[in-house]
C-alpha atoms as a PDB file:
ATOM      1  CA  MET A   1      82.421 -48.632 102.895  1.00  0.00           C
ATOM      2  CA  SER A   2      81.542 -45.899 100.409  1.00  0.00           C
ATOM      3  CA  VAL A   3      79.985 -43.807 103.198  1.00  0.00           C
ATOM      4  CA  GLU A   4      83.153 -44.090 105.314  1.00  0.00           C
ATOM      5  CA  ARG A   5      85.333 -43.203 102.308  1.00  0.00           C
ATOM      6  CA  GLU A   6      83.123 -40.210 101.535  1.00  0.00           C
ATOM      7  CA  GLY A   7      83.402 -39.086 105.137  1.00  0.00           C
ATOM      8  CA  VAL A   8      87.203 -39.344 105.029  1.00  0.00           C
ATOM      9  CA  GLU A   9      87.318 -37.312 101.787  1.00  0.00           C
ATOM     10  CA  ARG A  10      85.119 -34.620 103.364  1.00  0.00           C
ATOM     11  CA  GLU A  11      87.379 -34.563 106.430  1.00  0.00           C
ATOM     12  CA  VAL A  12      90.433 -34.083 104.216  1.00  0.00           C
ATOM     13  CA  VAL A  13      88.702 -31.255 102.406  1.00  0.00           C
ATOM     14  CA  ALA A  14      87.647 -29.614 105.623  1.00  0.00           C
ATOM     15  CA  GLY A  15      90.872 -30.204 107.507  1.00  0.00           C
ATOM     16  CA  ALA A  16      93.463 -29.447 104.876  1.00  0.00           C
ATOM     17  CA  PRO A  17      91.904 -27.559 101.973  1.00  0.00           C
ATOM     18  CA  GLY A  18      95.264 -26.299 100.749  1.00  0.00           C
ATOM     19  CA  VAL A  19      96.693 -29.811 100.506  1.00  0.00           C
ATOM     20  CA  PHE A  20      93.532 -31.077  98.813  1.00  0.00           C
ATOM     21  CA  ARG A  21      93.594 -28.273  96.235  1.00  0.00           C
ATOM     22  CA  ALA A  22      97.269 -28.976  95.550  1.00  0.00           C
ATOM     23  CA  ALA A  23      96.497 -32.655  95.019  1.00  0.00           C
ATOM     24  CA  VAL A  24      93.654 -31.768  92.658  1.00  0.00           C
ATOM     25  CA  ASP A  25      95.958 -29.417  90.728  1.00  0.00           C
ATOM     26  CA  VAL A  26      98.553 -32.170  90.383  1.00  0.00           C
ATOM     27  CA  ARG A  27      95.950 -34.679  89.153  1.00  0.00           C
ATOM     28  CA  GLU A  28      94.524 -32.185  86.648  1.00  0.00           C
ATOM     29  CA  ARG A  29      97.977 -31.293  85.383  1.00  0.00           C
ATOM     30  CA  ASP A  30      98.938 -34.949  85.013  1.00  0.00           C
ATOM     31  CA  ALA A  31      95.613 -35.817  83.380  1.00  0.00           C
ATOM     32  CA  ALA A  32      95.756 -33.030  80.822  1.00  0.00           C
ATOM     33  CA  PRO A  33      99.347 -32.267  79.755  1.00  0.00           C
ATOM     34  CA  GLY A  34      98.035 -31.295  76.331  1.00  0.00           C
ATOM     35  CA  ARG A  35      95.843 -28.619  77.889  1.00  0.00           C
ATOM     36  CA  ALA A  36      98.803 -27.227  79.824  1.00  0.00           C
ATOM     37  CA  ALA A  37     100.940 -27.193  76.666  1.00  0.00           C
ATOM     38  CA  LEU A  38      98.171 -25.425  74.740  1.00  0.00           C
ATOM     39  CA  GLY A  39      97.880 -22.812  77.477  1.00  0.00           C
ATOM     40  CA  MET A  40     101.641 -22.289  77.401  1.00  0.00           C
ATOM     41  CA  PHE A  41     101.534 -21.897  73.612  1.00  0.00           C
ATOM     42  CA  LEU A  42      98.663 -19.380  73.750  1.00  0.00           C
ATOM     43  CA  ARG A  43     100.561 -17.299  76.325  1.00  0.00           C
ATOM     44  CA  ASN A  44     103.471 -17.027  73.895  1.00  0.00           C
ATOM     45  CA  ARG A  45     102.661 -13.905  71.891  1.00  0.00           C
ATOM     46  CA  ALA A  46     105.257 -14.567  69.216  1.00  0.00           C
ATOM     47  CA  ALA A  47     103.932 -18.097  68.667  1.00  0.00           C
ATOM     48  CA  VAL A  48     100.340 -16.863  68.445  1.00  0.00           C
ATOM     49  CA  ALA A  49     101.408 -14.191  65.959  1.00  0.00           C
ATOM     50  CA  GLY A  50     103.124 -16.889  63.897  1.00  0.00           C
ATOM     51  CA  ALA A  51     100.008 -19.078  64.011  1.00  0.00           C
ATOM     52  CA  ILE A  52      97.807 -16.166  62.890  1.00  0.00           C
ATOM     53  CA  MET A  53     100.184 -15.399  60.029  1.00  0.00           C
ATOM     54  CA  MET A  54     100.145 -19.044  58.940  1.00  0.00           C
ATOM     55  CA  ILE A  55      96.338 -19.176  59.053  1.00  0.00           C
ATOM     56  CA  VAL A  56      96.141 -16.072  56.855  1.00  0.00           C
ATOM     57  CA  ILE A  57      98.678 -17.533  54.407  1.00  0.00           C
ATOM     58  CA  LEU A  58      96.716 -20.801  54.228  1.00  0.00           C
ATOM     59  CA  LEU A  59      93.459 -18.937  53.631  1.00  0.00           C
ATOM     60  CA  VAL A  60      95.011 -16.859  50.851  1.00  0.00           C
ATOM     61  CA  SER A  61      96.600 -19.923  49.248  1.00  0.00           C
ATOM     62  CA  TYR A  62      93.730 -22.407  49.525  1.00  0.00           C
ATOM     63  CA  ALA A  63      90.453 -20.716  50.478  1.00  0.00           C
ATOM     64  CA  LEU A  64      90.485 -17.699  48.128  1.00  0.00           C
ATOM     65  CA  PRO A  65      91.486 -19.220  44.730  1.00  0.00           C
ATOM     66  CA  PRO A  66      88.202 -21.174  44.238  1.00  0.00           C
ATOM     67  CA  PHE A  67      86.264 -17.906  44.513  1.00  0.00           C
ATOM     68  CA  VAL A  68      88.423 -16.064  41.969  1.00  0.00           C
ATOM     69  CA  THR A  69      87.167 -16.548  38.415  1.00  0.00           C
ATOM     70  CA  ALA A  70      90.048 -14.774  36.646  1.00  0.00           C
ATOM     71  CA  ASP A  71      92.883 -16.874  35.278  1.00  0.00           C
ATOM     72  CA  LYS A  72      96.347 -16.159  36.647  1.00  0.00           C
ATOM     73  CA  ASN A  73      97.789 -16.206  33.085  1.00  0.00           C
ATOM     74  CA  ASP A  74      95.377 -13.614  31.679  1.00  0.00           C
ATOM     75  CA  PHE A  75      96.835 -10.330  30.451  1.00  0.00           C
ATOM     76  CA  VAL A  76      94.958  -7.764  32.510  1.00  0.00           C
ATOM     77  CA  GLY A  77      96.858  -4.561  31.759  1.00  0.00           C
ATOM     78  CA  GLY A  78     100.034  -2.934  30.589  1.00  0.00           C
ATOM     79  CA  ARG A  79     103.457  -4.293  31.452  1.00  0.00           C
ATOM     80  CA  HIS A  80     105.139  -3.231  34.713  1.00  0.00           C
ATOM     81  CA  THR A  81     102.104  -1.404  36.102  1.00  0.00           C
ATOM     82  CA  PRO A  82     102.894  -0.363  39.716  1.00  0.00           C
ATOM     83  CA  PRO A  83     100.688  -1.404  42.649  1.00  0.00           C
ATOM     84  CA  LEU A  84      97.741   0.796  43.653  1.00  0.00           C
ATOM     85  CA  THR A  85      97.469   2.232  40.138  1.00  0.00           C
ATOM     86  CA  GLU A  86      93.929   3.298  39.318  1.00  0.00           C
ATOM     87  CA  GLY A  87      92.192   0.880  36.976  1.00  0.00           C
ATOM     88  CA  ALA A  88      94.929  -1.745  37.382  1.00  0.00           C
ATOM     89  CA  PRO A  89      95.239  -4.807  39.655  1.00  0.00           C
ATOM     90  CA  LEU A  90      95.856  -4.008  43.311  1.00  0.00           C
ATOM     91  CA  PHE A  91      99.404  -5.438  43.381  1.00  0.00           C
ATOM     92  CA  GLY A  92     100.345  -4.347  39.871  1.00  0.00           C
ATOM     93  CA  THR A  93     101.322  -6.343  36.797  1.00  0.00           C
ATOM     94  CA  ASP A  94     104.450  -8.203  35.776  1.00  0.00           C
ATOM     95  CA  TYR A  95     106.608  -8.152  32.649  1.00  0.00           C
ATOM     96  CA  LEU A  96     103.789  -9.790  30.635  1.00  0.00           C
ATOM     97  CA  GLY A  97     100.947  -7.704  32.008  1.00  0.00           C
ATOM     98  CA  ARG A  98      99.615 -10.439  34.318  1.00  0.00           C
ATOM     99  CA  ASP A  99      98.096  -9.804  37.749  1.00  0.00           C
ATOM    100  CA  ILE A 100     100.887 -10.335  40.289  1.00  0.00           C
ATOM    101  CA  GLY A 101      98.462 -10.775  43.167  1.00  0.00           C
ATOM    102  CA  LEU A 102      96.686 -13.650  41.402  1.00  0.00           C
ATOM    103  CA  ILE A 103      99.931 -15.416  40.549  1.00  0.00           C
ATOM    104  CA  VAL A 104     101.236 -15.107  44.113  1.00  0.00           C
ATOM    105  CA  MET A 105      97.912 -16.354  45.499  1.00  0.00           C
ATOM    106  CA  HIS A 106      97.951 -19.462  43.296  1.00  0.00           C
ATOM    107  CA  GLY A 107     101.686 -20.019  43.853  1.00  0.00           C
ATOM    108  CA  GLY A 108     101.217 -20.362  47.594  1.00  0.00           C
ATOM    109  CA  SER A 109      99.628 -23.804  47.336  1.00  0.00           C
ATOM    110  CA  THR A 110     102.538 -25.077  45.218  1.00  0.00           C
ATOM    111  CA  THR A 111     105.163 -23.780  47.633  1.00  0.00           C
ATOM    112  CA  LEU A 112     103.370 -25.097  50.725  1.00  0.00           C
ATOM    113  CA  GLU A 113     102.698 -28.526  49.214  1.00  0.00           C
ATOM    114  CA  VAL A 114     106.324 -28.982  48.169  1.00  0.00           C
ATOM    115  CA  ALA A 115     107.415 -27.877  51.649  1.00  0.00           C
ATOM    116  CA  GLY A 116     104.909 -30.165  53.350  1.00  0.00           C
ATOM    117  CA  PHE A 117     105.865 -33.313  51.434  1.00  0.00           C
ATOM    118  CA  ALA A 118     109.564 -32.531  51.773  1.00  0.00           C
ATOM    119  CA  ALA A 119     109.171 -31.943  55.532  1.00  0.00           C
ATOM    120  CA  VAL A 120     107.447 -35.320  55.952  1.00  0.00           C
ATOM    121  CA  LEU A 121     110.282 -37.007  54.060  1.00  0.00           C
ATOM    122  CA  ILE A 122     112.925 -35.120  56.072  1.00  0.00           C
ATOM    123  CA  VAL A 123     111.373 -36.058  59.416  1.00  0.00           C
ATOM    124  CA  PHE A 124     110.726 -39.674  58.385  1.00  0.00           C
ATOM    125  CA  VAL A 125     114.326 -40.325  57.292  1.00  0.00           C
ATOM    126  CA  GLY A 126     115.843 -38.305  60.129  1.00  0.00           C
ATOM    127  CA  ALA A 127     113.646 -39.891  62.798  1.00  0.00           C
ATOM    128  CA  LEU A 128     114.309 -43.402  61.472  1.00  0.00           C
ATOM    129  CA  VAL A 129     118.085 -42.976  61.447  1.00  0.00           C
ATOM    130  CA  GLY A 130     118.155 -41.094  64.751  1.00  0.00           C
ATOM    131  CA  ALA A 131     115.881 -43.574  66.547  1.00  0.00           C
ATOM    132  CA  ILE A 132     117.925 -46.610  65.520  1.00  0.00           C
ATOM    133  CA  ALA A 133     121.226 -44.907  66.362  1.00  0.00           C
ATOM    134  CA  GLY A 134     120.055 -43.531  69.695  1.00  0.00           C
ATOM    135  CA  TYR A 135     118.369 -46.714  70.869  1.00  0.00           C
ATOM    136  CA  HIS A 136     121.012 -49.280  69.907  1.00  0.00           C
ATOM    137  CA  GLY A 137     124.162 -47.199  70.471  1.00  0.00           C
ATOM    138  CA  GLY A 138     127.578 -48.826  70.028  1.00  0.00           C
ATOM    139  CA  TRP A 139     128.786 -49.599  66.515  1.00  0.00           C
ATOM    140  CA  VAL A 140     125.292 -49.042  65.065  1.00  0.00           C
ATOM    141  CA  ASP A 141     125.328 -45.494  66.407  1.00  0.00           C
ATOM    142  CA  LYS A 142     128.843 -44.845  65.103  1.00  0.00           C
ATOM    143  CA  VAL A 143     128.079 -46.109  61.587  1.00  0.00           C
ATOM    144  CA  LEU A 144     124.803 -44.185  61.287  1.00  0.00           C
ATOM    145  CA  MET A 145     126.325 -40.984  62.655  1.00  0.00           C
ATOM    146  CA  LYS A 146     129.209 -41.198  60.168  1.00  0.00           C
ATOM    147  CA  PHE A 147     126.583 -41.672  57.458  1.00  0.00           C
ATOM    148  CA  THR A 148     124.742 -38.619  58.806  1.00  0.00           C
ATOM    149  CA  GLU A 149     127.916 -36.539  58.898  1.00  0.00           C
ATOM    150  CA  PHE A 150     128.576 -37.367  55.236  1.00  0.00           C
ATOM    151  CA  PHE A 151     125.300 -35.745  54.210  1.00  0.00           C
ATOM    152  CA  GLN A 152     125.733 -32.926  56.712  1.00  0.00           C
ATOM    153  CA  ILE A 153     129.049 -31.725  55.227  1.00  0.00           C
ATOM    154  CA  LEU A 154     127.712 -31.726  51.672  1.00  0.00           C
ATOM    155  CA  PRO A 155     126.844 -28.260  50.312  1.00  0.00           C
ATOM    156  CA  GLY A 156     123.080 -28.625  50.467  1.00  0.00           C
ATOM    157  CA  LEU A 157     121.920 -26.351  47.673  1.00  0.00           C
ATOM    158  CA  LEU A 158     124.675 -27.527  45.326  1.00  0.00           C
ATOM    159  CA  PHE A 159     123.796 -31.184  45.928  1.00  0.00           C
ATOM    160  CA  ALA A 160     120.105 -30.461  45.338  1.00  0.00           C
ATOM    161  CA  LEU A 161     121.019 -28.632  42.116  1.00  0.00           C
ATOM    162  CA  VAL A 162     122.898 -31.689  40.878  1.00  0.00           C
ATOM    163  CA  VAL A 163     119.986 -34.026  41.701  1.00  0.00           C
ATOM    164  CA  VAL A 164     117.414 -31.814  39.976  1.00  0.00           C
ATOM    165  CA  ALA A 165     119.681 -31.243  36.969  1.00  0.00           C
ATOM    166  CA  LEU A 166     120.239 -34.998  36.546  1.00  0.00           C
ATOM    167  CA  PHE A 167     116.662 -36.201  37.015  1.00  0.00           C
ATOM    168  CA  GLY A 168     114.677 -33.250  35.707  1.00  0.00           C
ATOM    169  CA  ALA A 169     112.919 -30.278  37.287  1.00  0.00           C
ATOM    170  CA  SER A 170     109.682 -31.798  38.538  1.00  0.00           C
ATOM    171  CA  THR A 171     107.877 -31.399  41.845  1.00  0.00           C
ATOM    172  CA  LEU A 172     108.729 -34.996  42.824  1.00  0.00           C
ATOM    173  CA  THR A 173     112.419 -34.503  42.057  1.00  0.00           C
ATOM    174  CA  ILE A 174     112.543 -31.289  44.080  1.00  0.00           C
ATOM    175  CA  VAL A 175     110.857 -32.969  47.065  1.00  0.00           C
ATOM    176  CA  LEU A 176     113.303 -35.889  46.928  1.00  0.00           C
ATOM    177  CA  ALA A 177     116.312 -33.578  46.548  1.00  0.00           C
ATOM    178  CA  ILE A 178     115.284 -31.521  49.576  1.00  0.00           C
ATOM    179  CA  GLY A 179     114.496 -34.621  51.623  1.00  0.00           C
ATOM    180  CA  ILE A 180     117.851 -36.250  50.828  1.00  0.00           C
ATOM    181  CA  ILE A 181     119.916 -33.272  51.898  1.00  0.00           C
ATOM    182  CA  ALA A 182     117.994 -31.804  54.873  1.00  0.00           C
ATOM    183  CA  TRP A 183     117.403 -34.773  57.226  1.00  0.00           C
ATOM    184  CA  PRO A 184     120.674 -34.846  59.286  1.00  0.00           C
ATOM    185  CA  PRO A 185     119.635 -32.236  61.916  1.00  0.00           C
ATOM    186  CA  VAL A 186     116.437 -34.199  62.580  1.00  0.00           C
ATOM    187  CA  ALA A 187     118.456 -37.407  62.946  1.00  0.00           C
ATOM    188  CA  ARG A 188     120.761 -35.830  65.523  1.00  0.00           C
ATOM    189  CA  GLN A 189     117.871 -34.373  67.511  1.00  0.00           C
ATOM    190  CA  THR A 190     115.984 -37.683  67.485  1.00  0.00           C
ATOM    191  CA  ARG A 191     119.123 -39.604  68.466  1.00  0.00           C
ATOM    192  CA  SER A 192     119.647 -37.318  71.440  1.00  0.00           C
ATOM    193  CA  GLU A 193     116.035 -37.772  72.560  1.00  0.00           C
ATOM    194  CA  PHE A 194     116.160 -41.573  72.245  1.00  0.00           C
ATOM    195  CA  MET A 195     119.458 -41.771  74.153  1.00  0.00           C
ATOM    196  CA  LYS A 196     117.841 -39.820  76.976  1.00  0.00           C
ATOM    197  CA  GLN A 197     114.588 -41.799  76.969  1.00  0.00           C
ATOM    198  CA  LYS A 198     115.986 -45.332  76.712  1.00  0.00           C
ATOM    199  CA  SER A 199     117.515 -45.202  80.209  1.00  0.00           C
ATOM    200  CA  LEU A 200     114.246 -44.212  81.926  1.00  0.00           C
ATOM    201  CA  GLU A 201     112.220 -46.586  84.081  1.00  0.00           C
ATOM    202  CA  TYR A 202     109.269 -47.027  81.723  1.00  0.00           C
ATOM    203  CA  VAL A 203     111.596 -48.318  78.991  1.00  0.00           C
ATOM    204  CA  LYS A 204     113.281 -50.714  81.443  1.00  0.00           C
ATOM    205  CA  ALA A 205     109.833 -51.950  82.446  1.00  0.00           C
ATOM    206  CA  ALA A 206     108.946 -52.592  78.796  1.00  0.00           C
ATOM    207  CA  ARG A 207     112.137 -54.626  78.396  1.00  0.00           C
ATOM    208  CA  ALA A 208     111.377 -56.549  81.582  1.00  0.00           C
ATOM    209  CA  ILE A 209     108.028 -57.771  80.256  1.00  0.00           C
ATOM    210  CA  GLY A 210     109.699 -59.022  77.077  1.00  0.00           C
ATOM    211  CA  ALA A 211     108.854 -56.256  74.570  1.00  0.00           C
ATOM    212  CA  SER A 212     110.919 -56.405  71.390  1.00  0.00           C
ATOM    213  CA  ASP A 213     113.264 -53.595  70.359  1.00  0.00           C
ATOM    214  CA  THR A 214     110.961 -52.631  67.494  1.00  0.00           C
ATOM    215  CA  ARG A 215     107.961 -52.425  69.814  1.00  0.00           C
ATOM    216  CA  ILE A 216     109.888 -50.365  72.357  1.00  0.00           C
ATOM    217  CA  ILE A 217     111.072 -47.938  69.660  1.00  0.00           C
ATOM    218  CA  LEU A 218     107.691 -47.528  67.951  1.00  0.00           C
ATOM    219  CA  SER A 219     105.216 -47.931  70.816  1.00  0.00           C
ATOM    220  CA  THR A 220     107.128 -46.886  73.923  1.00  0.00           C
ATOM    221  CA  ILE A 221     109.758 -44.250  73.156  1.00  0.00           C
ATOM    222  CA  LEU A 222     108.452 -42.722  69.927  1.00  0.00           C
ATOM    223  CA  PRO A 223     105.162 -41.403  71.407  1.00  0.00           C
ATOM    224  CA  ASN A 224     107.182 -39.615  74.088  1.00  0.00           C
ATOM    225  CA  ALA A 225     109.482 -38.154  71.426  1.00  0.00           C
ATOM    226  CA  LEU A 226     106.589 -36.855  69.288  1.00  0.00           C
ATOM    227  CA  PRO A 227     106.734 -33.285  70.692  1.00  0.00           C
ATOM    228  CA  VAL A 228     110.342 -33.043  69.509  1.00  0.00           C
ATOM    229  CA  LEU A 229     109.383 -34.391  66.076  1.00  0.00           C
ATOM    230  CA  ILE A 230     106.465 -31.950  65.771  1.00  0.00           C
ATOM    231  CA  VAL A 231     108.882 -29.090  66.347  1.00  0.00           C
ATOM    232  CA  GLN A 232     111.211 -30.595  63.754  1.00  0.00           C
ATOM    233  CA  ILE A 233     108.379 -30.734  61.192  1.00  0.00           C
ATOM    234  CA  THR A 234     107.756 -26.996  61.458  1.00  0.00           C
ATOM    235  CA  LEU A 235     111.473 -26.240  61.165  1.00  0.00           C
ATOM    236  CA  ALA A 236     111.835 -28.704  58.276  1.00  0.00           C
ATOM    237  CA  MET A 237     109.009 -26.994  56.394  1.00  0.00           C
ATOM    238  CA  GLY A 238     110.820 -23.667  56.696  1.00  0.00           C
ATOM    239  CA  THR A 239     114.032 -25.272  55.447  1.00  0.00           C
ATOM    240  CA  ALA A 240     112.176 -26.905  52.556  1.00  0.00           C
ATOM    241  CA  ILE A 241     110.582 -23.615  51.499  1.00  0.00           C
ATOM    242  CA  LEU A 242     113.981 -21.922  51.384  1.00  0.00           C
ATOM    243  CA  PHE A 243     115.511 -24.803  49.422  1.00  0.00           C
ATOM    244  CA  GLU A 244     112.604 -24.830  46.952  1.00  0.00           C
ATOM    245  CA  ALA A 245     112.788 -21.067  46.559  1.00  0.00           C
ATOM    246  CA  GLY A 246     116.538 -21.275  45.917  1.00  0.00           C
ATOM    247  CA  LEU A 247     116.191 -24.019  43.310  1.00  0.00           C
ATOM    248  CA  SER A 248     113.287 -22.286  41.590  1.00  0.00           C
ATOM    249  CA  PHE A 249     115.072 -18.934  41.639  1.00  0.00           C
ATOM    250  CA  LEU A 250     117.930 -20.560  39.727  1.00  0.00           C
ATOM    251  CA  GLY A 251     115.495 -21.851  37.113  1.00  0.00           C
ATOM    252  CA  LEU A 252     115.299 -25.452  38.328  1.00  0.00           C
ATOM    253  CA  GLY A 253     111.740 -25.291  39.610  1.00  0.00           C
ATOM    254  CA  ASP A 254     108.720 -26.970  38.072  1.00  0.00           C
ATOM    255  CA  ALA A 255     107.560 -24.639  35.270  1.00  0.00           C
ATOM    256  CA  ASP A 256     104.102 -26.257  35.285  1.00  0.00           C
ATOM    257  CA  SER A 257     103.433 -25.119  38.863  1.00  0.00           C
ATOM    258  CA  LEU A 258     104.407 -21.502  39.452  1.00  0.00           C
ATOM    259  CA  SER A 259     105.778 -21.348  43.009  1.00  0.00           C
ATOM    260  CA  TRP A 260     106.842 -18.192  44.816  1.00  0.00           C
ATOM    261  CA  GLY A 261     110.536 -18.909  44.316  1.00  0.00           C
ATOM    262  CA  TYR A 262     110.076 -19.655  40.615  1.00  0.00           C
ATOM    263  CA  TYR A 263     108.159 -16.411  40.139  1.00  0.00           C
ATOM    264  CA  VAL A 264     110.904 -14.434  41.884  1.00  0.00           C
ATOM    265  CA  GLY A 265     113.361 -15.984  39.430  1.00  0.00           C
ATOM    266  CA  LEU A 266     111.216 -15.001  36.450  1.00  0.00           C
ATOM    267  CA  ASN A 267     111.029 -11.379  37.584  1.00  0.00           C
ATOM    268  CA  ARG A 268     114.581 -10.865  38.818  1.00  0.00           C
ATOM    269  CA  GLN A 269     115.870  -9.467  35.521  1.00  0.00           C
ATOM    270  CA  TYR A 270     113.186  -6.770  35.629  1.00  0.00           C
ATOM    271  CA  PHE A 271     113.847  -5.721  39.221  1.00  0.00           C
ATOM    272  CA  LEU A 272     114.934  -2.170  38.386  1.00  0.00           C
ATOM    273  CA  VAL A 273     111.666  -1.422  36.567  1.00  0.00           C
ATOM    274  CA  ASN A 274     109.390  -3.855  38.413  1.00  0.00           C
ATOM    275  CA  TRP A 275     110.559  -4.247  42.006  1.00  0.00           C
ATOM    276  CA  TRP A 276     107.097  -5.321  43.188  1.00  0.00           C
ATOM    277  CA  GLY A 277     107.234  -8.453  41.015  1.00  0.00           C
ATOM    278  CA  VAL A 278     110.130  -9.704  43.149  1.00  0.00           C
ATOM    279  CA  THR A 279     109.156  -8.141  46.476  1.00  0.00           C
ATOM    280  CA  LEU A 280     105.660  -9.612  46.887  1.00  0.00           C
ATOM    281  CA  PRO A 281     106.505 -13.315  46.358  1.00  0.00           C
ATOM    282  CA  GLY A 282     109.774 -12.844  48.251  1.00  0.00           C
ATOM    283  CA  LEU A 283     107.839 -11.293  51.136  1.00  0.00           C
ATOM    284  CA  MET A 284     105.470 -14.270  51.157  1.00  0.00           C
ATOM    285  CA  VAL A 285     108.427 -16.658  51.403  1.00  0.00           C
ATOM    286  CA  PHE A 286     109.871 -14.595  54.278  1.00  0.00           C
ATOM    287  CA  LEU A 287     106.575 -14.405  56.202  1.00  0.00           C
ATOM    288  CA  THR A 288     105.872 -18.125  55.764  1.00  0.00           C
ATOM    289  CA  VAL A 289     109.304 -19.175  57.020  1.00  0.00           C
ATOM    290  CA  LEU A 290     109.064 -16.663  59.873  1.00  0.00           C
ATOM    291  CA  SER A 291     105.634 -17.924  60.941  1.00  0.00           C
ATOM    292  CA  LEU A 292     106.810 -21.552  60.891  1.00  0.00           C
ATOM    293  CA  SER A 293     109.856 -20.634  62.967  1.00  0.00           C
ATOM    294  CA  LEU A 294     107.717 -18.806  65.543  1.00  0.00           C
ATOM    295  CA  ILE A 295     105.269 -21.718  65.718  1.00  0.00           C
ATOM    296  CA  GLY A 296     108.127 -24.191  66.139  1.00  0.00           C
ATOM    297  CA  ASP A 297     109.679 -22.159  68.950  1.00  0.00           C
ATOM    298  CA  GLY A 298     106.278 -21.850  70.621  1.00  0.00           C
ATOM    299  CA  ILE A 299     105.661 -25.596  70.479  1.00  0.00           C
ATOM    300  CA  GLN A 300     109.167 -26.285  71.792  1.00  0.00           C
ATOM    301  CA  ASP A 301     108.546 -24.038  74.794  1.00  0.00           C
ATOM    302  CA  ALA A 302     105.044 -25.443  75.343  1.00  0.00           C
ATOM    303  CA  VAL A 303     106.171 -29.073  75.523  1.00  0.00           C
ATOM    304  CA  ASN A 304     109.100 -28.280  77.817  1.00  0.00           C
ATOM    305  CA  PRO A 305     108.016 -29.320  81.354  1.00  0.00           C
ATOM    306  CA  LYS A 306     110.544 -26.937  82.922  1.00  0.00           C
ATOM    307  CA  LEU A 307     108.694 -23.947  81.444  1.00  0.00           C
ATOM    308  CA  ARG A 308     105.141 -25.091  82.231  1.00  0.00           C
ATOM    309  CA  GLY A 309     105.027 -23.287  85.553  1.00  0.00           C
ATOM    310  CA  ARG A 310     105.980 -19.900  84.153  1.00  0.00           C
END
């Protein structure tokens, strides 16, 4: 039997090599969608540039500080020393004579950690609300979408200011404030994805074998919606960084952990005599948000089956 089957396979290869190669290509593409998505991402120059920027930012924020023996709060020179001044720190000093480069390097971990935790909270709440609304539809969908609209029409930064002012300016409070206000777009995106997925054949098959709604949501539809949620995480991190920078700039950041936004706020009154004290941390915020946006767009294109063949 195996000899006959082998002979048939050889005949197919010899008789119709083009068809055989096409079949192999289809099987390889179906067997390795992750590889195809990775190839699509790597062909996206903007996404690769964003990934390189993010890697550099992570290295500066997490890999370099352990090798630096100087304390970020040490007074290393005169006040308002410009960058590239001989005998002074490379990026200059601030209004207290501290090394701006050191402070920005240590502040990166604070900013990224706040953004990371807030992004997880944003995606968790948004995905939960969106999945339930999109899967069940009807009155459940209407109630949850009205609830979502309520948070969506609130002035985000003002609401976060109120929360932080009431409960204190701590890292936990800032994360909760950002998570409470920034989840509606994720909920709407997840709802749209679940409404599209729930009518497909694989979901109907899961219902036919008696799978519960919870199992279908968590084990059947959610894995297929993960690419959308991964994109939302990158976008949520960018949103969280901007929110944290805005709150910290207004003086409602955690004074115990000097983030980029908080440091911009400390230096803003000295901008005319010390522009570099505002520019460097502000530039880091801009580059981080830009890199996350480019990565998110790259992932979105990579997981889109309609673009795989390009």
